[in-house]
Protein backbone atom coordinates (compact mmCIF):
# COMPACT_ATOMS: atom_id res chain seq x y z
CA MET A 1 33.60 -44.44 14.40
CA SER A 2 31.00 -41.73 14.18
CA PHE A 3 28.56 -41.30 11.35
CA LEU A 4 30.03 -37.97 10.18
CA THR A 5 33.60 -39.26 10.03
CA SER A 6 32.68 -42.26 7.86
CA ILE A 7 31.21 -40.09 5.06
CA LYS A 8 33.59 -38.37 2.63
CA LEU A 9 32.63 -34.73 3.10
CA PRO A 10 34.72 -31.59 3.11
CA ARG A 11 36.18 -30.80 6.49
CA TYR A 12 34.23 -27.59 7.09
CA ILE A 13 30.90 -29.41 6.64
CA LYS A 14 31.82 -31.82 9.45
CA ASN A 15 32.48 -28.90 11.77
CA LYS A 16 29.91 -28.71 14.58
CA PHE A 17 29.82 -24.90 14.42
CA PHE A 18 29.02 -25.00 10.69
CA ILE A 19 26.22 -27.50 11.29
CA THR A 20 24.84 -25.38 14.12
CA ALA A 21 24.99 -22.20 12.03
CA LEU A 22 23.32 -23.97 9.10
CA ALA A 23 20.54 -25.26 11.34
CA PHE A 24 20.07 -21.75 12.76
CA VAL A 25 19.83 -20.21 9.27
CA ILE A 26 17.31 -22.84 8.16
CA TRP A 27 15.27 -22.27 11.32
CA ILE A 28 15.21 -18.49 10.87
CA ALA A 29 14.60 -18.64 7.11
CA PHE A 30 11.83 -21.24 6.98
CA LEU A 31 10.58 -22.52 10.34
CA ASP A 32 10.25 -19.46 12.57
CA LYS A 33 6.89 -17.67 12.80
CA THR A 34 8.48 -14.54 11.32
CA ASN A 35 10.29 -16.35 8.52
CA LEU A 36 11.43 -14.83 5.23
CA MET A 37 8.08 -15.30 3.49
CA TYR A 38 6.23 -13.42 6.21
CA GLN A 39 8.87 -10.71 6.17
CA TYR A 40 8.42 -10.32 2.42
CA GLN A 41 4.63 -10.14 2.78
CA PHE A 42 4.89 -7.57 5.58
CA GLN A 43 7.29 -5.45 3.55
CA SER A 44 5.04 -5.54 0.49
CA GLU A 45 2.10 -4.52 2.68
CA VAL A 46 4.15 -1.64 4.11
CA ASN A 47 5.06 -0.50 0.59
CA LYS A 48 1.42 -0.64 -0.49
CA LEU A 49 0.33 1.37 2.53
CA GLU A 50 3.06 3.97 1.95
CA ASN A 51 1.86 4.39 -1.64
CA GLN A 52 -1.70 4.85 -0.38
CA LYS A 53 -0.44 7.36 2.16
CA GLU A 54 1.24 9.40 -0.60
CA PHE A 55 -1.93 9.25 -2.69
CA PHE A 56 -4.11 10.46 0.16
CA ILE A 57 -1.67 13.23 1.08
CA LYS A 58 -1.89 14.49 -2.51
CA GLU A 59 -5.69 14.23 -2.42
CA ILE A 60 -5.84 16.17 0.86
CA LYS A 61 -3.59 18.87 -0.57
CA GLN A 62 -5.74 19.14 -3.71
CA THR A 63 -8.96 19.26 -1.67
CA ARG A 64 -7.58 22.01 0.57
CA GLU A 65 -6.60 24.03 -2.50
CA GLU A 66 -10.11 23.61 -3.93
CA GLN A 67 -11.62 24.57 -0.58
CA GLN A 68 -9.48 27.70 -0.39
CA GLU A 69 -10.49 28.59 -3.95
CA LEU A 70 -14.19 28.07 -3.23
CA LEU A 71 -14.12 30.10 -0.05
CA SER A 72 -12.33 32.97 -1.78
CA SER A 73 -15.36 34.18 -3.75
CA PRO A 74 -19.13 33.61 -3.69
CA GLU A 75 -19.28 33.28 -7.49
CA LYS A 76 -16.97 30.28 -7.48
CA LEU A 77 -18.89 28.71 -4.61
CA GLU A 78 -22.17 29.14 -6.50
CA LYS A 79 -20.67 27.64 -9.66
CA PHE A 80 -19.35 24.67 -7.69
CA ALA A 81 -22.72 24.07 -6.01
CA ARG A 82 -24.54 24.20 -9.34
CA GLU A 83 -22.12 21.83 -11.12
CA LYS A 84 -21.48 19.27 -8.42
CA TYR A 85 -24.68 19.19 -6.41
CA TYR A 86 -27.16 20.42 -9.04
CA MET A 87 -28.40 23.22 -6.79
CA LYS A 88 -30.63 25.89 -8.27
CA LYS A 89 -32.29 29.13 -7.38
CA ASP A 90 -35.96 29.22 -6.41
CA ASN A 91 -37.20 30.57 -9.74
CA GLU A 92 -35.16 28.21 -11.97
CA ASP A 93 -35.82 24.82 -13.50
CA LEU A 94 -33.00 22.31 -13.69
CA PHE A 95 -32.60 19.81 -16.51
CA ILE A 96 -29.85 17.20 -16.21
CA ILE A 97 -28.74 15.59 -19.44
CA SER A 98 -26.44 12.63 -19.07
CA PRO A 99 -24.92 10.46 -21.81
CA ALA A 100 -26.53 7.11 -22.56
CA PRO A 101 -24.84 4.14 -20.90
CA GLN A 102 -22.50 2.26 -23.20
CA GLN A 103 -23.13 -1.41 -23.79
């Protein structure tokens, strides 16, 4: 008498195909090198990278719009250079006033 026939189990659990399928599912889900946990981690990484991609696409679009605006007129380019890079003309003095650091 075999071991499986002596135990009172439902008939489908004693089936060799069911046992093989169950072992296969356990192997794929937990023991394989690309198991479910790794798949979840890879998918979350893909989602994070896609969000970053969307962010950078928006930033590139905004930067190109600003570039087009700056190149459209010399007055806007001069204003940008003065505000962002603190550039000045030869006969000017530049004073930068920044707020005190908060503690």
